[in-house]
C-alpha atoms as a PDB file:
ATOM      1  CA  MET A   1      -0.008   0.011  -0.012  1.00  0.00           C
ATOM      2  CA  ASN A   2       1.200   3.484  -0.893  1.00  0.00           C
ATOM      3  CA  ILE A   3       1.128   5.540   2.323  1.00  0.00           C
ATOM      4  CA  LEU A   4       1.857   9.167   2.704  1.00  0.00           C
ATOM      5  CA  GLY A   5       3.021  10.599   6.117  1.00  0.00           C
ATOM      6  CA  ILE A   6       1.785  14.147   6.623  1.00  0.00           C
ATOM      7  CA  ILE A   7       3.025  16.395   9.433  1.00  0.00           C
ATOM      8  CA  PRO A   8       0.576  19.310   9.976  1.00  0.00           C
ATOM      9  CA  ALA A   9       2.480  22.376  11.285  1.00  0.00           C
ATOM     10  CA  ARG A  10       0.840  25.628  12.275  1.00  0.00           C
ATOM     11  CA  TYR A  11       2.743  28.797  13.250  1.00  0.00           C
ATOM     12  CA  GLY A  12      -0.021  30.471  15.274  1.00  0.00           C
ATOM     13  CA  SER A  13      -0.395  28.281  18.327  1.00  0.00           C
ATOM     14  CA  THR A  14      -2.120  30.155  21.146  1.00  0.00           C
ATOM     15  CA  ARG A  15       0.094  28.596  23.873  1.00  0.00           C
ATOM     16  CA  PHE A  16       3.410  28.526  21.894  1.00  0.00           C
ATOM     17  CA  GLU A  17       3.525  30.726  18.770  1.00  0.00           C
ATOM     18  CA  GLY A  18       6.099  29.472  16.235  1.00  0.00           C
ATOM     19  CA  LYS A  19       6.442  26.144  17.989  1.00  0.00           C
ATOM     20  CA  PRO A  20       7.474  24.125  14.888  1.00  0.00           C
ATOM     21  CA  LEU A  21      10.602  26.342  14.611  1.00  0.00           C
ATOM     22  CA  ALA A  22      11.620  26.071  18.298  1.00  0.00           C
ATOM     23  CA  LEU A  23      15.028  24.508  18.796  1.00  0.00           C
ATOM     24  CA  ILE A  24      15.342  21.191  20.659  1.00  0.00           C
ATOM     25  CA  ASN A  25      18.826  20.001  21.305  1.00  0.00           C
ATOM     26  CA  GLY A  26      20.120  22.167  18.484  1.00  0.00           C
ATOM     27  CA  LYS A  27      17.508  21.293  15.802  1.00  0.00           C
ATOM     28  CA  MET A  28      14.109  22.748  14.890  1.00  0.00           C
ATOM     29  CA  MET A  29      11.232  20.686  16.263  1.00  0.00           C
ATOM     30  CA  ILE A  30       9.720  20.266  12.810  1.00  0.00           C
ATOM     31  CA  GLN A  31      13.063  18.902  11.511  1.00  0.00           C
ATOM     32  CA  ARG A  32      13.276  16.390  14.297  1.00  0.00           C
ATOM     33  CA  VAL A  33       9.675  15.171  13.636  1.00  0.00           C
ATOM     34  CA  TYR A  34      10.390  15.006   9.866  1.00  0.00           C
ATOM     35  CA  GLU A  35      13.621  13.063  10.326  1.00  0.00           C
ATOM     36  CA  GLN A  36      11.936  10.564  12.750  1.00  0.00           C
ATOM     37  CA  ALA A  37       9.073  10.050  10.243  1.00  0.00           C
ATOM     38  CA  LYS A  38      11.535   9.411   7.415  1.00  0.00           C
ATOM     39  CA  LYS A  39      12.871   6.431   9.364  1.00  0.00           C
ATOM     40  CA  ALA A  40       9.502   4.681   9.170  1.00  0.00           C
ATOM     41  CA  ASP A  41      10.016   2.313   6.228  1.00  0.00           C
ATOM     42  CA  LYS A  42       6.290   1.784   5.769  1.00  0.00           C
ATOM     43  CA  LEU A  43       5.858   5.287   4.406  1.00  0.00           C
ATOM     44  CA  ALA A  44       6.311   6.018   0.727  1.00  0.00           C
ATOM     45  CA  ALA A  45       6.897   9.701   1.436  1.00  0.00           C
ATOM     46  CA  VAL A  46       6.746  12.340   4.196  1.00  0.00           C
ATOM     47  CA  VAL A  47       5.544  15.893   3.753  1.00  0.00           C
ATOM     48  CA  VAL A  48       5.020  18.827   6.104  1.00  0.00           C
ATOM     49  CA  ALA A  49       1.607  20.608   5.668  1.00  0.00           C
ATOM     50  CA  THR A  50       1.916  24.215   6.811  1.00  0.00           C
ATOM     51  CA  ASP A  51       0.058  27.483   6.725  1.00  0.00           C
ATOM     52  CA  ASP A  52       3.127  29.681   7.122  1.00  0.00           C
ATOM     53  CA  GLN A  53       5.870  30.695   4.741  1.00  0.00           C
ATOM     54  CA  ARG A  54       8.489  30.628   7.556  1.00  0.00           C
ATOM     55  CA  ILE A  55       7.845  26.970   8.276  1.00  0.00           C
ATOM     56  CA  TYR A  56       7.727  26.110   4.560  1.00  0.00           C
ATOM     57  CA  ASP A  57      11.123  27.781   4.020  1.00  0.00           C
ATOM     58  CA  ALA A  58      12.639  26.102   7.046  1.00  0.00           C
ATOM     59  CA  VAL A  59      11.561  22.640   5.895  1.00  0.00           C
ATOM     60  CA  VAL A  60      12.808  23.172   2.343  1.00  0.00           C
ATOM     61  CA  GLY A  61      15.996  24.582   3.889  1.00  0.00           C
ATOM     62  CA  PHE A  62      16.840  21.311   5.641  1.00  0.00           C
ATOM     63  CA  GLY A  63      15.993  19.280   2.565  1.00  0.00           C
ATOM     64  CA  GLY A  64      12.435  18.286   3.480  1.00  0.00           C
ATOM     65  CA  GLU A  65       9.246  18.391   1.439  1.00  0.00           C
ATOM     66  CA  ALA A  66       6.473  20.849   2.350  1.00  0.00           C
ATOM     67  CA  VAL A  67       3.079  21.958   0.956  1.00  0.00           C
ATOM     68  CA  MET A  68       1.432  25.334   1.695  1.00  0.00           C
ATOM     69  CA  THR A  69      -2.131  24.990   2.953  1.00  0.00           C
ATOM     70  CA  SER A  70      -4.959  27.254   4.028  1.00  0.00           C
ATOM     71  CA  THR A  71      -4.831  29.243   7.289  1.00  0.00           C
ATOM     72  CA  ASN A  72      -8.508  28.445   7.901  1.00  0.00           C
ATOM     73  CA  HIS A  73      -8.322  24.735   8.795  1.00  0.00           C
ATOM     74  CA  LYS A  74      -9.694  23.821  12.217  1.00  0.00           C
ATOM     75  CA  SER A  75      -7.855  20.458  12.545  1.00  0.00           C
ATOM     76  CA  GLY A  76      -4.867  18.503  11.307  1.00  0.00           C
ATOM     77  CA  THR A  77      -7.335  16.240   9.459  1.00  0.00           C
ATOM     78  CA  ASP A  78      -8.605  19.162   7.331  1.00  0.00           C
ATOM     79  CA  ARG A  79      -5.052  20.131   6.525  1.00  0.00           C
ATOM     80  CA  CYS A  80      -4.170  16.544   5.537  1.00  0.00           C
ATOM     81  CA  CYS A  81      -7.196  16.439   3.279  1.00  0.00           C
ATOM     82  CA  GLU A  82      -6.109  19.611   1.386  1.00  0.00           C
ATOM     83  CA  VAL A  83      -2.712  18.020   0.815  1.00  0.00           C
ATOM     84  CA  ILE A  84      -4.126  14.769  -0.546  1.00  0.00           C
ATOM     85  CA  GLU A  85      -6.483  16.691  -2.860  1.00  0.00           C
ATOM     86  CA  LYS A  86      -3.500  18.670  -4.197  1.00  0.00           C
ATOM     87  CA  LEU A  87      -1.643  15.419  -4.892  1.00  0.00           C
ATOM     88  CA  ASN A  88      -4.667  14.172  -6.779  1.00  0.00           C
ATOM     89  CA  GLY A  89      -5.050  10.515  -5.689  1.00  0.00           C
ATOM     90  CA  LYS A  90      -1.394   9.510  -5.638  1.00  0.00           C
ATOM     91  CA  TYR A  91      -1.626   7.648  -2.335  1.00  0.00           C
ATOM     92  CA  ASP A  92      -3.851   4.899  -0.914  1.00  0.00           C
ATOM     93  CA  ALA A  93      -3.685   6.059   2.723  1.00  0.00           C
ATOM     94  CA  VAL A  94      -2.465   8.908   4.870  1.00  0.00           C
ATOM     95  CA  ILE A  95      -0.910   9.006   8.339  1.00  0.00           C
ATOM     96  CA  ASN A  96      -1.370  12.268  10.276  1.00  0.00           C
ATOM     97  CA  ILE A  97       1.785  12.599  12.376  1.00  0.00           C
ATOM     98  CA  GLN A  98       1.737  15.068  15.231  1.00  0.00           C
ATOM     99  CA  GLY A  99       4.108  17.980  14.579  1.00  0.00           C
ATOM    100  CA  ASP A 100       4.866  18.590  18.285  1.00  0.00           C
ATOM    101  CA  GLU A 101       6.398  15.192  19.117  1.00  0.00           C
ATOM    102  CA  PRO A 102      10.061  15.726  18.129  1.00  0.00           C
ATOM    103  CA  TYR A 103      11.178  12.214  19.147  1.00  0.00           C
ATOM    104  CA  ILE A 104       8.258  10.156  17.868  1.00  0.00           C
ATOM    105  CA  ASN A 105       9.294   6.553  17.504  1.00  0.00           C
ATOM    106  CA  PRO A 106       9.283   5.321  13.848  1.00  0.00           C
ATOM    107  CA  MET A 107       8.034   1.927  15.062  1.00  0.00           C
ATOM    108  CA  GLU A 108       4.806   3.605  16.078  1.00  0.00           C
ATOM    109  CA  ILE A 109       4.367   5.007  12.583  1.00  0.00           C
ATOM    110  CA  ASN A 110       5.072   1.596  11.104  1.00  0.00           C
ATOM    111  CA  GLN A 111       2.513  -0.023  13.517  1.00  0.00           C
ATOM    112  CA  ILE A 112      -0.286   2.257  12.441  1.00  0.00           C
ATOM    113  CA  ALA A 113       0.739   1.868   8.776  1.00  0.00           C
ATOM    114  CA  GLU A 114       0.232  -1.891   9.170  1.00  0.00           C
ATOM    115  CA  LEU A 115      -3.226  -1.266  10.726  1.00  0.00           C
ATOM    116  CA  ILE A 116      -4.425   0.973   7.905  1.00  0.00           C
ATOM    117  CA  SER A 117      -3.052  -1.504   5.301  1.00  0.00           C
ATOM    118  CA  ASP A 118      -5.826  -3.918   6.241  1.00  0.00           C
ATOM    119  CA  GLU A 119      -8.449  -3.538   3.442  1.00  0.00           C
ATOM    120  CA  ASP A 120     -11.256  -3.662   6.048  1.00  0.00           C
ATOM    121  CA  THR A 121      -9.752  -0.760   8.190  1.00  0.00           C
ATOM    122  CA  PRO A 122     -11.000   2.699   7.163  1.00  0.00           C
ATOM    123  CA  LEU A 123      -9.362   4.587  10.101  1.00  0.00           C
ATOM    124  CA  ALA A 124      -6.731   3.675  12.653  1.00  0.00           C
ATOM    125  CA  SER A 125      -5.038   5.091  15.738  1.00  0.00           C
ATOM    126  CA  LEU A 126      -2.921   4.005  18.672  1.00  0.00           C
ATOM    127  CA  CYS A 127      -3.218   3.894  22.464  1.00  0.00           C
ATOM    128  CA  LYS A 128      -0.962   3.114  25.403  1.00  0.00           C
ATOM    129  CA  PRO A 129      -1.630   1.478  28.816  1.00  0.00           C
ATOM    130  CA  ILE A 130      -1.915   4.067  31.601  1.00  0.00           C
ATOM    131  CA  ARG A 131       0.480   3.440  34.476  1.00  0.00           C
ATOM    132  CA  ASP A 132       0.091   6.675  36.384  1.00  0.00           C
ATOM    133  CA  TYR A 133      -2.856   7.739  38.464  1.00  0.00           C
ATOM    134  CA  ASP A 134      -2.466  11.457  37.715  1.00  0.00           C
ATOM    135  CA  GLU A 135      -2.524  10.695  33.997  1.00  0.00           C
ATOM    136  CA  LEU A 136      -5.671   8.564  34.438  1.00  0.00           C
ATOM    137  CA  MET A 137      -7.410  11.498  36.102  1.00  0.00           C
ATOM    138  CA  SER A 138      -6.061  14.271  33.858  1.00  0.00           C
ATOM    139  CA  HIS A 139      -8.534  15.813  31.479  1.00  0.00           C
ATOM    140  CA  ASN A 140      -5.686  16.594  29.153  1.00  0.00           C
ATOM    141  CA  ALA A 141      -4.961  12.855  28.681  1.00  0.00           C
ATOM    142  CA  VAL A 142      -7.573  11.409  26.383  1.00  0.00           C
ATOM    143  CA  LYS A 143      -8.790   7.897  27.261  1.00  0.00           C
ATOM    144  CA  VAL A 144     -10.193   5.259  24.924  1.00  0.00           C
ATOM    145  CA  VAL A 145     -12.140   2.010  25.258  1.00  0.00           C
ATOM    146  CA  PHE A 146     -12.344  -0.541  22.460  1.00  0.00           C
ATOM    147  CA  ASP A 147     -14.014  -3.840  21.739  1.00  0.00           C
ATOM    148  CA  LYS A 148     -12.445  -7.322  21.631  1.00  0.00           C
ATOM    149  CA  ASN A 149     -11.554  -6.803  17.951  1.00  0.00           C
ATOM    150  CA  GLY A 150      -9.707  -3.553  18.679  1.00  0.00           C
ATOM    151  CA  LYS A 151     -12.431  -1.201  17.371  1.00  0.00           C
ATOM    152  CA  ALA A 152     -12.835   2.004  19.287  1.00  0.00           C
ATOM    153  CA  LEU A 153     -16.054   2.297  21.285  1.00  0.00           C
ATOM    154  CA  TYR A 154     -15.562   5.754  22.800  1.00  0.00           C
ATOM    155  CA  PHE A 155     -12.882   8.397  23.624  1.00  0.00           C
ATOM    156  CA  SER A 156     -13.199  10.690  26.660  1.00  0.00           C
ATOM    157  CA  ARG A 157     -11.253  13.179  28.756  1.00  0.00           C
ATOM    158  CA  TYR A 158     -12.624  11.329  31.796  1.00  0.00           C
ATOM    159  CA  ALA A 159     -11.348   8.034  32.994  1.00  0.00           C
ATOM    160  CA  ILE A 160     -13.420   5.333  31.201  1.00  0.00           C
ATOM    161  CA  PRO A 161     -14.870   3.009  32.078  1.00  0.00           C
ATOM    162  CA  PHE A 162     -16.155   4.299  35.420  1.00  0.00           C
ATOM    163  CA  MET A 163     -15.497   1.664  38.066  1.00  0.00           C
ATOM    164  CA  ARG A 164     -18.933   1.602  39.748  1.00  0.00           C
ATOM    165  CA  ASN A 165     -17.998  -0.997  42.378  1.00  0.00           C
ATOM    166  CA  GLU A 166     -14.759   0.597  43.497  1.00  0.00           C
ATOM    167  CA  ALA A 167     -15.296   3.908  45.395  1.00  0.00           C
ATOM    168  CA  ASP A 168     -11.528   4.505  45.740  1.00  0.00           C
ATOM    169  CA  ASP A 169     -10.410   5.623  42.241  1.00  0.00           C
ATOM    170  CA  THR A 170      -6.764   5.211  43.243  1.00  0.00           C
ATOM    171  CA  LYS A 171      -7.346   1.449  43.094  1.00  0.00           C
ATOM    172  CA  TRP A 172      -8.978   1.417  39.640  1.00  0.00           C
ATOM    173  CA  MET A 173      -5.792   0.493  37.819  1.00  0.00           C
ATOM    174  CA  GLU A 174      -5.459  -2.572  40.088  1.00  0.00           C
ATOM    175  CA  LYS A 175      -8.776  -3.836  38.695  1.00  0.00           C
ATOM    176  CA  ARG A 176      -8.309  -3.279  34.916  1.00  0.00           C
ATOM    177  CA  THR A 177      -6.118  -1.735  32.304  1.00  0.00           C
ATOM    178  CA  PHE A 178      -6.953   1.786  31.142  1.00  0.00           C
ATOM    179  CA  TYR A 179      -5.693   3.215  27.878  1.00  0.00           C
ATOM    180  CA  LYS A 180      -4.508   6.638  26.856  1.00  0.00           C
ATOM    181  CA  HIS A 181      -5.067   7.708  23.298  1.00  0.00           C
ATOM    182  CA  VAL A 182      -1.975   8.447  21.323  1.00  0.00           C
ATOM    183  CA  GLY A 183      -2.710  11.301  18.891  1.00  0.00           C
ATOM    184  CA  ILE A 184      -1.667   9.720  15.604  1.00  0.00           C
ATOM    185  CA  TYR A 185      -4.267   8.890  12.943  1.00  0.00           C
ATOM    186  CA  ALA A 186      -4.345   6.907   9.746  1.00  0.00           C
ATOM    187  CA  TYR A 187      -7.016   7.154   7.074  1.00  0.00           C
ATOM    188  CA  LYS A 188      -7.755   5.473   3.772  1.00  0.00           C
ATOM    189  CA  THR A 189      -7.559   8.322   1.294  1.00  0.00           C
ATOM    190  CA  ASP A 190     -11.216   8.247   0.267  1.00  0.00           C
ATOM    191  CA  VAL A 191     -12.235   8.037   3.969  1.00  0.00           C
ATOM    192  CA  LEU A 192     -10.078  11.061   4.800  1.00  0.00           C
ATOM    193  CA  LYS A 193     -12.072  13.061   2.304  1.00  0.00           C
ATOM    194  CA  GLU A 194     -15.343  11.872   3.694  1.00  0.00           C
ATOM    195  CA  VAL A 195     -14.612  12.573   7.385  1.00  0.00           C
ATOM    196  CA  ALA A 196     -13.092  15.992   6.610  1.00  0.00           C
ATOM    197  CA  ALA A 197     -16.380  16.931   4.968  1.00  0.00           C
ATOM    198  CA  LEU A 198     -18.535  15.967   7.937  1.00  0.00           C
ATOM    199  CA  PRO A 199     -20.019  18.752  10.114  1.00  0.00           C
ATOM    200  CA  GLN A 200     -19.095  18.888  13.793  1.00  0.00           C
ATOM    201  CA  SER A 201     -21.056  16.388  15.894  1.00  0.00           C
ATOM    202  CA  GLY A 202     -22.571  16.796  19.341  1.00  0.00           C
ATOM    203  CA  LEU A 203     -20.140  14.407  21.023  1.00  0.00           C
ATOM    204  CA  GLU A 204     -17.197  16.108  19.346  1.00  0.00           C
ATOM    205  CA  ILE A 205     -18.289  19.525  20.620  1.00  0.00           C
ATOM    206  CA  ALA A 206     -18.980  18.180  24.103  1.00  0.00           C
ATOM    207  CA  GLU A 207     -15.471  16.564  24.559  1.00  0.00           C
ATOM    208  CA  SER A 208     -13.591  18.686  21.945  1.00  0.00           C
ATOM    209  CA  LEU A 209     -12.340  15.488  20.263  1.00  0.00           C
ATOM    210  CA  GLU A 210     -12.707  15.279  16.505  1.00  0.00           C
ATOM    211  CA  GLN A 211     -12.472  11.432  16.444  1.00  0.00           C
ATOM    212  CA  LEU A 212     -15.937  11.324  18.155  1.00  0.00           C
ATOM    213  CA  ARG A 213     -17.330  12.914  14.998  1.00  0.00           C
ATOM    214  CA  TRP A 214     -16.182   9.851  13.055  1.00  0.00           C
ATOM    215  CA  LEU A 215     -17.650   7.356  15.540  1.00  0.00           C
ATOM    216  CA  GLU A 216     -20.925   9.294  15.755  1.00  0.00           C
ATOM    217  CA  ASN A 217     -21.240   9.082  11.987  1.00  0.00           C
ATOM    218  CA  GLY A 218     -20.658   5.277  11.987  1.00  0.00           C
ATOM    219  CA  TYR A 219     -17.059   5.030  11.076  1.00  0.00           C
ATOM    220  CA  THR A 220     -14.805   2.330  12.553  1.00  0.00           C
ATOM    221  CA  ILE A 221     -11.488   3.269  14.174  1.00  0.00           C
ATOM    222  CA  LYS A 222      -9.073   0.314  14.627  1.00  0.00           C
ATOM    223  CA  MET A 223      -6.903   0.763  17.659  1.00  0.00           C
ATOM    224  CA  GLY A 224      -3.377  -0.581  18.114  1.00  0.00           C
ATOM    225  CA  VAL A 225      -1.699  -0.839  21.526  1.00  0.00           C
ATOM    226  CA  THR A 226       1.819   0.500  21.894  1.00  0.00           C
ATOM    227  CA  GLU A 227       4.191   0.594  24.822  1.00  0.00           C
ATOM    228  CA  PHE A 228       6.237   3.501  23.513  1.00  0.00           C
ATOM    229  CA  ASP A 229       5.974   6.746  25.435  1.00  0.00           C
ATOM    230  CA  THR A 230       5.218   9.958  23.572  1.00  0.00           C
ATOM    231  CA  TYR A 231       6.653  13.343  24.565  1.00  0.00           C
ATOM    232  CA  SER A 232       4.845  16.341  23.124  1.00  0.00           C
ATOM    233  CA  VAL A 233       5.650  20.041  23.289  1.00  0.00           C
ATOM    234  CA  ASP A 234       2.589  22.151  24.350  1.00  0.00           C
ATOM    235  CA  VAL A 235       4.282  25.076  26.031  1.00  0.00           C
ATOM    236  CA  PRO A 236       7.833  26.393  26.013  1.00  0.00           C
ATOM    237  CA  GLU A 237       8.655  24.779  29.361  1.00  0.00           C
ATOM    238  CA  ASP A 238       8.124  21.335  27.823  1.00  0.00           C
ATOM    239  CA  ILE A 239      11.245  21.809  25.744  1.00  0.00           C
ATOM    240  CA  ILE A 240      13.491  21.794  28.852  1.00  0.00           C
ATOM    241  CA  LYS A 241      11.968  18.486  29.976  1.00  0.00           C
ATOM    242  CA  ILE A 242      12.351  16.857  26.569  1.00  0.00           C
ATOM    243  CA  GLU A 243      15.895  18.101  26.112  1.00  0.00           C
ATOM    244  CA  SER A 244      16.789  16.598  29.418  1.00  0.00           C
ATOM    245  CA  ILE A 245      15.278  13.201  28.506  1.00  0.00           C
ATOM    246  CA  PHE A 246      16.887  13.086  25.033  1.00  0.00           C
ATOM    247  CA  LYS A 247      20.074  14.986  25.676  1.00  0.00           C
ATOM    248  CA  ASN A 248      22.199  12.091  24.355  1.00  0.00           C
END
């Protein structure tokens, strides 16, 4: 299967303007993401989708491929859709790679590429077992539950499922495994165009999670379980933490 990796990269982040160009251990973040994605041998190509000339020039400057996209997109999915439409059906599937994870593991990208390569899988994503209580209770960490075939049932900012028979939530992880959603998506090309055209749904608006729009409209999301940690940059202070972890 011919799979394109797309890294959406906006300049105007409200919490960290110009984030893709921030230096992490001597390299721009967008360059680190791009170089990690290029190591994934399941991808036919990797491209940065940006709305800013500075990011475009930076990517071309380090030898990467970039595509200019609209400034009006509300999500990375919409930005990926514009890229695939400009490339006019050249790829069978697309992987949306987060542009703020400078040390993303290429094996994660290969894993989701294998999931989307199944002819019966329209959409795919990854999740990771939660080992930390604070993460389980954090509304910033999105949780997911899925059926015995790995198909997502629901995503929430709350800990799901709710353990009705255990009043002490600090003991919940002793009773079952909870999963954190890892924000990487894969779409068959035709499905990408379909979900990007859908209007916002009630569940999506309630939780502020676009993947709930897909579920609410009857699409199947196949989940893969990974053990790799992800380290994202949301605010400038995160760079110090990540540089310390990956200083070597």
